[in-house]
Amino acid sequence: MSTRRTFMQKLAVLGTSAFTANTLLQELHAAHLEDAYKLLDAGNPESDARNEAFWTFFQQAYTVNPNLINLNNGGVSPAPKVVQEALQRYNDLANQAPSYYMWRVIEMNREPLRYKLAQLAGCSTEEIAINRNTTESLNTVIFGLPLQKGDEVIGTLQDYPNMIQAWRQRQMRDGIVYKQISFDFPIEDDETIVQQFAEAMTPKTKVVHITHIVNWVGQILPVKKIADMAHSRGAEVIIDGAHSFGLLNFKIPDLGGDYYGTSLHKFLSAPIGNGLLWIKKEKIGKIWPLLCNDKPQSDDIRKFETLGTRSFCIEQATGEAINFHEAIGSQRKEDRIRYLKNYWAEKAAQIPKVKLHTSLKAPYSCAIAGVSIDGLKPEELDSKLFNKFKIHAVGINWENIHCVRVTPHVYTRTQDLDKLVYALEQIAAGKA
């Protein structure tokens, strides 16, 4: 308890800015994480992913309810204490004189934040717009692309509903042709996926829409291979990265797309209501902003940030989320969360009547996995998990996918996943 108390006390001390040399996370790194890093096994990522003593330091940084096991981090993740404290400080400052502190003080930190995001994303600051979520990011591109009647767009039935509806709206309004292919996941062969996209394309195909990690069951698509194929046939590529940024260790340009959108309040653990839009520099000028701008055909990425009054406080606290993420390390974080997913899923797969809907191989999944029990609807299993075991997941009924989605995060403890496995055993045996 004394270790936790000291840790939390340090998290409660907020520096002047998430972008100064004296950030809270840097102080934390010097004070506590130095000891944590000594626990790591140099050159052995698999050992590090299983090192419970090391991960305890990060588990204690969150303020999650100990009476409820939250395994729906695929929907939205909680923020660490340090991020919550940063948000509170910015809110307190803004409310002293909102029009002054928001527009003349806090907003001035958007460029430093853009720089930090660009470093994490591996791209130019002139290619990143900061907004509220993946829906806003990708809808900006979907409605901003200069498509004509008869132009084709390829997507899938397993894409996120808000993107599907956006394309359908463009189809209704502008007469484009929106074609959806379908997959039966899990699939553990890249070429099967790439070929299905390729077979759907025609000379009229202008855009291919790819979901990096399918939110329903966590399937990772071979984005670069699909993008290369699409480009070879003259199409542009939009990538829905809602569940990949802050989880998988990659740089956005390396995915091979032209447009990428994500939510920062998922695996990056930024305050709720944060998003990022990336557009290749040479593509920016042709995309119309979703909301008005005085220079809508400018090649300045900032034209997509004309949102009127917004929560600058939520935006700025994202800086501390980046600090926290970098204190862990991108690859180490990916390895840990994949380990947690496999920790429970491998055991669950051995339970009679239990079925997994997600691959356990690293190239095809990381955090998210779908699970079902013969004879139970997803909503019934979801209800039993919560009402009898206080495990919060989410039932999925979408197209050909029917399961409960389970998503751990870095704060998830293995004993909580043991309880999930026990719950599945009891429910499958008809004892709960």
Protein backbone atom coordinates (compact mmCIF):
# COMPACT_ATOMS: atom_id res chain seq x y z
CA MET A 1 0.00 0.00 0.00
CA SER A 2 2.83 2.43 0.81
CA THR A 3 4.36 1.84 -2.64
CA ARG A 4 1.03 2.52 -4.30
CA ARG A 5 0.44 5.61 -2.15
CA THR A 6 3.83 7.07 -3.04
CA PHE A 7 3.25 6.28 -6.70
CA MET A 8 -0.15 7.97 -6.73
CA GLN A 9 1.15 11.00 -4.84
CA LYS A 10 3.75 11.55 -7.53
CA LEU A 11 1.09 11.23 -10.22
CA ALA A 12 -0.94 13.94 -8.46
CA VAL A 13 1.84 16.51 -8.87
CA LEU A 14 1.40 18.16 -12.27
CA GLY A 15 4.13 20.12 -13.97
CA THR A 16 3.52 23.33 -15.90
CA SER A 17 3.05 21.63 -19.25
CA ALA A 18 3.15 18.24 -20.91
CA PHE A 19 5.75 19.69 -23.27
CA THR A 20 8.31 21.12 -20.87
CA ALA A 21 11.47 19.48 -19.57
CA ASN A 22 9.82 19.00 -16.17
CA THR A 23 6.85 16.87 -17.15
CA LEU A 24 5.26 14.70 -14.54
CA LEU A 25 6.09 11.54 -16.44
CA GLN A 26 9.75 12.50 -16.67
CA GLU A 27 9.81 12.98 -12.92
CA LEU A 28 8.09 9.61 -12.56
CA HIS A 29 10.58 7.98 -14.90
CA ALA A 30 13.47 9.23 -12.83
CA ALA A 31 11.94 8.31 -9.49
CA HIS A 32 10.02 5.04 -9.86
CA LEU A 33 10.40 3.63 -13.34
CA GLU A 34 14.15 3.42 -12.96
CA ASP A 35 13.54 0.64 -10.47
CA ALA A 36 10.90 -0.92 -12.71
CA TYR A 37 13.20 -0.98 -15.72
CA LYS A 38 15.77 -2.89 -13.68
CA LEU A 39 13.26 -5.76 -13.57
CA LEU A 40 13.28 -6.14 -17.34
CA ASP A 41 15.16 -8.91 -19.10
CA ALA A 42 17.29 -7.12 -21.68
CA GLY A 43 16.86 -8.58 -25.13
CA ASN A 44 13.95 -10.82 -24.14
CA PRO A 45 10.62 -9.18 -25.09
CA GLU A 46 8.62 -12.33 -24.33
CA SER A 47 9.93 -12.37 -20.78
CA ASP A 48 9.18 -8.67 -20.39
CA ALA A 49 5.59 -9.16 -21.53
CA ARG A 50 5.07 -11.68 -18.70
CA ASN A 51 6.94 -9.69 -16.05
CA GLU A 52 4.14 -8.99 -13.55
CA ALA A 53 6.42 -7.07 -11.17
CA PHE A 54 7.28 -4.59 -13.92
CA TRP A 55 3.69 -4.12 -15.10
CA THR A 56 2.45 -3.50 -11.55
CA PHE A 57 3.90 0.00 -11.79
CA PHE A 58 1.62 0.81 -14.73
CA GLN A 59 -1.41 -0.97 -13.33
CA GLN A 60 -1.22 1.24 -10.26
CA ALA A 61 -1.24 4.37 -12.42
CA TYR A 62 -4.92 3.86 -13.28
CA THR A 63 -7.94 4.59 -11.09
CA VAL A 64 -10.23 1.81 -12.36
CA ASN A 65 -13.02 0.46 -10.16
CA PRO A 66 -11.65 -2.58 -8.28
CA ASN A 67 -15.18 -3.99 -7.99
CA LEU A 68 -15.66 -4.23 -11.75
CA ILE A 69 -13.40 -5.92 -14.29
CA ASN A 70 -13.42 -3.70 -17.35
CA LEU A 71 -12.66 -5.73 -20.47
CA ASN A 72 -14.25 -3.38 -22.99
CA ASN A 73 -11.21 -1.21 -23.64
CA GLY A 74 -11.91 -1.64 -27.34
CA GLY A 75 -14.78 0.79 -26.91
CA VAL A 76 -12.93 3.44 -24.95
CA SER A 77 -10.04 3.18 -22.50
CA PRO A 78 -9.68 4.90 -19.14
CA ALA A 79 -6.96 7.51 -18.78
CA PRO A 80 -4.14 7.10 -16.25
CA LYS A 81 -4.24 9.28 -13.15
CA VAL A 82 -1.58 11.58 -14.57
CA VAL A 83 -3.77 12.33 -17.60
CA GLN A 84 -6.84 12.91 -15.45
CA GLU A 85 -4.88 15.35 -13.30
CA ALA A 86 -3.60 17.17 -16.37
CA LEU A 87 -7.15 17.51 -17.70
CA GLN A 88 -8.36 18.83 -14.36
CA ARG A 89 -5.59 21.40 -14.20
CA TYR A 90 -6.33 22.67 -17.70
CA ASN A 91 -10.04 22.83 -16.86
CA ASP A 92 -9.33 24.77 -13.68
CA LEU A 93 -7.16 27.20 -15.61
CA ALA A 94 -9.68 27.66 -18.43
CA ASN A 95 -12.53 28.39 -16.06
CA GLN A 96 -10.67 31.31 -14.49
CA ALA A 97 -11.35 33.26 -17.69
CA PRO A 98 -12.36 30.95 -20.57
CA SER A 99 -12.02 33.27 -23.55
CA TYR A 100 -8.56 34.37 -22.40
CA TYR A 101 -7.04 31.12 -21.15
CA MET A 102 -8.54 28.87 -23.85
CA TRP A 103 -7.73 30.98 -26.90
CA ARG A 104 -4.65 32.91 -25.77
CA VAL A 105 -2.90 30.40 -23.54
CA ILE A 106 -4.01 26.77 -23.88
CA GLU A 107 -4.63 26.81 -27.63
CA MET A 108 -1.06 28.00 -28.16
CA ASN A 109 0.08 24.53 -27.10
CA ARG A 110 -1.61 22.85 -30.08
CA GLU A 111 1.53 23.06 -32.20
CA PRO A 112 3.74 21.38 -29.56
CA LEU A 113 1.06 18.68 -29.28
CA ARG A 114 0.99 18.28 -33.05
CA TYR A 115 4.76 17.82 -32.95
CA LYS A 116 4.55 15.10 -30.29
CA LEU A 117 1.83 13.29 -32.20
CA ALA A 118 3.83 13.53 -35.42
CA GLN A 119 6.87 12.03 -33.68
CA LEU A 120 4.76 9.14 -32.40
CA ALA A 121 3.11 8.68 -35.81
CA GLY A 122 6.38 8.95 -37.71
CA CYS A 123 5.25 11.68 -40.05
CA SER A 124 5.42 15.42 -40.71
CA THR A 125 3.60 17.89 -38.48
CA GLU A 126 2.10 19.24 -41.70
CA GLU A 127 0.18 16.01 -42.21
CA ILE A 128 -1.66 15.78 -38.88
CA ALA A 129 -4.93 17.43 -37.86
CA ILE A 130 -6.17 17.12 -34.28
CA ASN A 131 -9.88 16.51 -33.83
CA ARG A 132 -12.31 14.46 -31.75
CA ASN A 133 -12.43 10.85 -32.95
CA THR A 134 -12.07 8.43 -35.84
CA THR A 135 -15.58 9.11 -37.12
CA GLU A 136 -14.83 12.81 -37.52
CA SER A 137 -11.44 12.08 -39.08
CA LEU A 138 -12.64 9.60 -41.68
CA ASN A 139 -15.92 11.36 -42.39
CA THR A 140 -13.83 14.40 -43.26
CA VAL A 141 -12.11 12.37 -45.97
CA ILE A 142 -15.18 10.41 -47.07
CA PHE A 143 -17.25 13.56 -47.62
CA GLY A 144 -14.29 15.65 -48.72
CA LEU A 145 -13.04 13.49 -51.59
CA PRO A 146 -13.97 14.90 -55.04
CA LEU A 147 -15.72 11.75 -56.25
CA GLN A 148 -18.13 11.73 -59.20
CA LYS A 149 -21.24 9.77 -60.07
CA GLY A 150 -20.26 6.23 -61.02
CA ASP A 151 -16.95 6.22 -59.14
CA GLU A 152 -16.53 3.04 -57.12
CA VAL A 153 -15.50 2.60 -53.50
CA ILE A 154 -14.59 -0.80 -52.03
CA GLY A 155 -15.20 -1.53 -48.36
CA THR A 156 -16.33 -4.49 -46.26
CA LEU A 157 -19.42 -5.53 -44.34
CA GLN A 158 -17.18 -5.78 -41.28
CA ASP A 159 -16.13 -2.11 -41.33
CA TYR A 160 -17.25 0.25 -38.57
CA PRO A 161 -20.92 1.31 -38.94
CA ASN A 162 -20.24 5.07 -38.96
CA MET A 163 -17.94 4.65 -41.95
CA ILE A 164 -20.38 2.38 -43.75
CA GLN A 165 -23.18 4.89 -43.24
CA ALA A 166 -20.98 7.74 -44.46
CA TRP A 167 -20.24 5.90 -47.72
CA ARG A 168 -23.91 5.01 -48.13
CA GLN A 169 -24.82 8.65 -47.66
CA ARG A 170 -22.38 9.66 -50.40
CA GLN A 171 -23.91 6.98 -52.58
CA MET A 172 -27.39 8.40 -52.00
CA ARG A 173 -26.29 12.00 -52.45
CA ASP A 174 -23.72 11.79 -55.24
CA GLY A 175 -24.39 8.55 -57.06
CA ILE A 176 -21.07 6.87 -56.29
CA VAL A 177 -21.03 3.06 -56.26
CA TYR A 178 -20.29 1.62 -52.81
CA LYS A 179 -19.36 -2.07 -52.90
CA GLN A 180 -18.87 -4.19 -49.77
CA ILE A 181 -17.06 -7.50 -49.65
CA SER A 182 -17.39 -9.85 -46.67
CA PHE A 183 -14.98 -11.96 -44.65
CA ASP A 184 -15.42 -14.88 -42.27
CA PHE A 185 -12.87 -14.20 -39.55
CA PRO A 186 -10.46 -15.35 -38.31
CA ILE A 187 -8.31 -15.57 -41.42
CA GLU A 188 -4.62 -16.45 -41.12
CA ASP A 189 -3.52 -15.87 -44.71
CA ASP A 190 -2.71 -12.41 -46.08
CA GLU A 191 -3.17 -13.35 -49.71
CA THR A 192 -6.73 -14.56 -49.15
CA ILE A 193 -7.65 -11.10 -47.87
CA VAL A 194 -5.70 -9.15 -50.49
CA GLN A 195 -7.14 -11.26 -53.30
CA GLN A 196 -10.71 -10.63 -52.21
CA PHE A 197 -10.15 -6.87 -52.31
CA ALA A 198 -8.45 -7.21 -55.68
CA GLU A 199 -11.30 -9.24 -57.18
CA ALA A 200 -13.80 -6.55 -56.17
CA MET A 201 -11.93 -3.78 -57.97
CA THR A 202 -12.68 -2.56 -61.49
CA PRO A 203 -11.26 0.27 -63.62
CA LYS A 204 -13.88 2.51 -61.98
CA THR A 205 -12.59 1.89 -58.44
CA LYS A 206 -11.28 5.16 -57.00
CA VAL A 207 -11.04 4.35 -53.29
CA VAL A 208 -10.34 1.28 -51.15
CA HIS A 209 -11.41 1.60 -47.51
CA ILE A 210 -9.44 -0.64 -45.11
CA THR A 211 -10.02 -1.24 -41.40
CA HIS A 212 -6.60 -1.84 -39.85
CA ILE A 213 -7.95 -3.78 -36.86
CA VAL A 214 -11.54 -4.98 -37.22
CA ASN A 215 -13.25 -3.69 -34.11
CA TRP A 216 -15.67 -6.60 -33.76
CA VAL A 217 -13.14 -9.44 -33.38
CA GLY A 218 -9.68 -7.86 -33.56
CA GLN A 219 -8.58 -9.26 -36.92
CA ILE A 220 -5.52 -7.37 -38.18
CA LEU A 221 -5.68 -6.83 -41.93
CA PRO A 222 -2.54 -6.77 -44.12
CA VAL A 223 -2.96 -3.07 -44.76
CA LYS A 224 0.32 -2.45 -46.61
CA LYS A 225 -0.26 -5.33 -49.01
CA ILE A 226 -3.83 -4.22 -49.75
CA ALA A 227 -2.69 -0.60 -50.19
CA ASP A 228 0.10 -1.54 -52.58
CA MET A 229 -2.32 -3.60 -54.64
CA ALA A 230 -4.90 -0.80 -54.70
CA HIS A 231 -2.32 1.81 -55.71
CA SER A 232 -1.06 -0.42 -58.52
CA ARG A 233 -4.59 -0.26 -59.92
CA GLY A 234 -4.93 3.49 -59.58
CA ALA A 235 -7.05 3.69 -56.41
CA GLU A 236 -6.51 5.73 -53.27
CA VAL A 237 -6.53 4.13 -49.82
CA ILE A 238 -8.31 5.20 -46.63
CA ILE A 239 -7.29 3.44 -43.41
CA ASP A 240 -9.52 3.21 -40.34
CA GLY A 241 -6.97 3.03 -37.53
CA ALA A 242 -9.32 3.45 -34.58
CA HIS A 243 -7.94 0.40 -32.78
CA SER A 244 -4.36 0.34 -34.00
CA PHE A 245 -2.82 3.67 -32.95
CA GLY A 246 -1.24 3.43 -29.51
CA LEU A 247 -1.52 -0.36 -29.64
CA LEU A 248 0.55 -1.68 -32.54
CA ASN A 249 4.10 -0.47 -33.02
CA PHE A 250 4.12 1.15 -36.47
CA LYS A 251 4.49 4.47 -38.28
CA ILE A 252 1.47 5.72 -40.20
CA PRO A 253 3.25 6.38 -43.53
CA ASP A 254 4.63 2.83 -43.51
CA LEU A 255 1.10 1.46 -43.83
CA GLY A 256 1.04 2.70 -47.41
CA GLY A 257 -2.25 4.56 -47.25
CA ASP A 258 -3.22 8.05 -48.38
CA TYR A 259 -5.53 8.88 -45.46
CA TYR A 260 -5.63 7.60 -41.88
CA GLY A 261 -7.92 8.37 -38.95
CA THR A 262 -7.83 7.23 -35.35
CA SER A 263 -9.18 7.84 -31.86
CA LEU A 264 -6.66 8.74 -29.18
CA HIS A 265 -8.97 7.75 -26.31
CA LYS A 266 -8.59 4.06 -27.00
CA PHE A 267 -5.19 2.43 -26.54
CA LEU A 268 -3.27 5.69 -26.17
CA SER A 269 -5.46 6.37 -23.09
CA ALA A 270 -5.93 10.07 -23.86
CA PRO A 271 -8.99 11.90 -22.46
CA ILE A 272 -12.26 10.91 -24.09
CA GLY A 273 -12.99 12.98 -27.19
CA ASN A 274 -9.58 13.04 -28.92
CA GLY A 275 -8.77 12.05 -32.47
CA LEU A 276 -6.17 12.38 -35.20
CA LEU A 277 -6.41 12.73 -38.97
CA TRP A 278 -3.39 12.04 -41.17
CA ILE A 279 -3.35 12.97 -44.85
CA LYS A 280 -0.42 12.71 -47.23
CA LYS A 281 0.84 16.23 -47.79
CA GLU A 282 0.19 16.20 -51.54
CA LYS A 283 -3.43 15.05 -50.97
CA ILE A 284 -4.50 17.74 -48.49
CA GLY A 285 -5.42 20.42 -51.02
CA LYS A 286 -8.08 18.37 -52.78
CA ILE A 287 -9.97 17.31 -49.64
CA TRP A 288 -12.81 19.63 -48.69
CA PRO A 289 -13.13 20.26 -44.92
CA LEU A 290 -16.10 18.64 -43.23
CA LEU A 291 -16.79 21.95 -41.48
CA CYS A 292 -16.34 25.41 -42.97
CA ASN A 293 -12.96 27.06 -43.49
CA ASP A 294 -12.06 30.34 -45.18
CA LYS A 295 -9.56 28.51 -47.42
CA PRO A 296 -11.20 25.13 -48.05
CA GLN A 297 -8.85 24.19 -50.90
CA SER A 298 -5.69 25.10 -48.99
CA ASP A 299 -2.96 22.51 -48.56
CA ASP A 300 -2.66 23.45 -44.86
CA ILE A 301 -3.72 20.51 -42.68
CA ARG A 302 -5.07 22.98 -40.10
CA LYS A 303 -8.07 23.73 -42.32
CA PHE A 304 -9.61 20.55 -40.83
CA GLU A 305 -9.48 21.99 -37.29
CA THR A 306 -12.09 24.73 -37.72
CA LEU A 307 -14.44 23.31 -35.13
CA GLY A 308 -15.49 26.47 -33.35
CA THR A 309 -15.37 26.38 -29.55
CA ARG A 310 -13.95 23.05 -28.50
CA SER A 311 -12.43 21.49 -25.42
CA PHE A 312 -8.84 22.68 -25.61
CA CYS A 313 -8.38 21.11 -22.18
CA ILE A 314 -9.17 17.59 -23.40
CA GLU A 315 -6.86 18.14 -26.34
CA GLN A 316 -3.93 19.36 -24.28
CA ALA A 317 -4.08 16.60 -21.68
CA THR A 318 -3.25 14.24 -24.54
CA GLY A 319 0.37 15.32 -24.10
CA GLU A 320 0.57 13.46 -20.80
CA ALA A 321 -1.00 10.38 -22.42
CA ILE A 322 1.84 10.39 -24.96
CA ASN A 323 4.39 10.74 -22.16
CA PHE A 324 2.82 7.76 -20.40
CA HIS A 325 2.79 5.68 -23.58
CA GLU A 326 6.44 6.45 -24.29
CA ALA A 327 7.43 5.58 -20.73
CA ILE A 328 6.17 2.07 -21.47
CA GLY A 329 7.51 1.85 -25.01
CA SER A 330 5.45 1.11 -28.11
CA GLN A 331 6.70 -2.39 -28.79
CA ARG A 332 6.71 -3.39 -25.13
CA LYS A 333 3.10 -2.20 -24.83
CA GLU A 334 2.01 -4.14 -27.92
CA ASP A 335 3.73 -7.29 -26.64
CA ARG A 336 2.14 -7.00 -23.21
CA ILE A 337 -1.41 -6.49 -24.44
CA ARG A 338 -1.10 -9.34 -26.95
CA TYR A 339 0.20 -11.53 -24.12
CA LEU A 340 -2.85 -10.63 -22.00
CA LYS A 341 -5.20 -11.49 -24.85
CA ASN A 342 -3.55 -14.85 -25.42
CA TYR A 343 -3.34 -15.48 -21.66
CA TRP A 344 -7.08 -15.82 -21.35
CA ALA A 345 -7.96 -16.87 -24.89
CA GLU A 346 -5.66 -19.90 -24.99
CA LYS A 347 -7.26 -21.21 -21.79
CA ALA A 348 -10.78 -20.40 -22.94
CA ALA A 349 -10.25 -22.30 -26.19
CA GLN A 350 -9.86 -25.51 -24.14
CA ILE A 351 -13.27 -25.16 -22.45
CA PRO A 352 -16.04 -27.36 -23.90
CA LYS A 353 -18.70 -25.36 -25.81
CA VAL A 354 -16.50 -22.25 -25.89
CA LYS A 355 -15.49 -20.89 -29.30
CA LEU A 356 -12.92 -18.22 -30.17
CA HIS A 357 -13.60 -15.92 -33.12
CA THR A 358 -10.08 -14.47 -33.29
CA SER A 359 -6.69 -15.79 -34.33
CA LEU A 360 -4.08 -16.26 -31.61
CA LYS A 361 -1.20 -15.65 -34.04
CA ALA A 362 0.65 -12.37 -33.65
CA PRO A 363 0.30 -11.09 -37.25
CA TYR A 364 -3.48 -11.39 -37.10
CA SER A 365 -4.52 -10.10 -33.66
CA CYS A 366 -3.34 -8.20 -30.61
CA ALA A 367 -5.72 -6.94 -27.92
CA ILE A 368 -9.23 -7.80 -29.07
CA ALA A 369 -10.71 -11.29 -29.16
CA GLY A 370 -14.23 -12.56 -29.66
CA VAL A 371 -15.66 -15.45 -27.65
CA SER A 372 -18.97 -17.31 -27.66
CA ILE A 373 -20.60 -20.26 -25.91
CA ASP A 374 -22.76 -22.76 -27.74
CA GLY A 375 -26.43 -22.20 -27.03
CA LEU A 376 -26.06 -18.63 -25.76
CA LYS A 377 -26.69 -15.43 -27.69
CA PRO A 378 -23.93 -12.81 -27.34
CA GLU A 379 -26.18 -10.56 -25.28
CA GLU A 380 -26.98 -13.46 -22.95
CA LEU A 381 -23.32 -14.26 -22.38
CA ASP A 382 -22.54 -10.57 -21.91
CA SER A 383 -25.30 -10.32 -19.30
CA LYS A 384 -24.14 -13.38 -17.36
CA LEU A 385 -20.55 -12.15 -17.29
CA PHE A 386 -21.63 -8.85 -15.79
CA ASN A 387 -24.50 -9.84 -13.51
CA LYS A 388 -22.82 -12.89 -11.98
CA PHE A 389 -19.11 -12.03 -12.18
CA LYS A 390 -18.97 -8.24 -12.60
CA ILE A 391 -17.02 -8.57 -15.83
CA HIS A 392 -17.78 -5.83 -18.33
CA ALA A 393 -17.36 -6.83 -21.97
CA VAL A 394 -19.70 -6.22 -24.93
CA GLY A 395 -21.99 -8.46 -26.95
CA ILE A 396 -21.55 -8.23 -30.73
CA ASN A 397 -24.24 -8.96 -33.30
CA TRP A 398 -23.06 -7.51 -36.60
CA GLU A 399 -23.53 -9.11 -40.02
CA ASN A 400 -21.93 -12.58 -39.74
CA ILE A 401 -20.21 -11.89 -36.39
CA HIS A 402 -21.90 -13.05 -33.18
CA CYS A 403 -19.75 -13.12 -30.05
CA VAL A 404 -18.70 -11.22 -26.95
CA ARG A 405 -15.74 -8.92 -27.48
CA VAL A 406 -13.08 -8.98 -24.77
CA THR A 407 -10.34 -6.33 -24.70
CA PRO A 408 -7.73 -6.00 -21.93
CA HIS A 409 -5.33 -3.06 -21.54
CA VAL A 410 -2.01 -2.53 -19.76
CA TYR A 411 -3.75 -2.02 -16.42
CA THR A 412 -5.53 -5.41 -16.68
CA ARG A 413 -4.26 -7.94 -14.16
CA THR A 414 -3.78 -11.62 -14.95
CA GLN A 415 -5.90 -12.54 -11.94
CA ASP A 416 -8.78 -10.64 -13.53
CA LEU A 417 -8.33 -12.71 -16.68
CA ASP A 418 -8.25 -15.86 -14.55
CA LYS A 419 -11.67 -14.82 -13.26
CA LEU A 420 -12.88 -14.40 -16.85
CA VAL A 421 -11.74 -17.93 -17.70
CA TYR A 422 -13.43 -19.26 -14.56
CA ALA A 423 -16.63 -17.43 -15.48
CA LEU A 424 -16.61 -18.92 -18.98
CA GLU A 425 -16.10 -22.39 -17.48
CA GLN A 426 -19.03 -21.94 -15.11
CA ILE A 427 -21.34 -20.50 -17.75
CA ALA A 428 -20.43 -23.13 -20.35
CA ALA A 429 -21.11 -25.88 -17.79
CA GLY A 430 -24.52 -24.39 -16.97
CA LYS A 431 -23.49 -23.52 -13.42
CA ALA A 432 -23.97 -19.78 -13.78
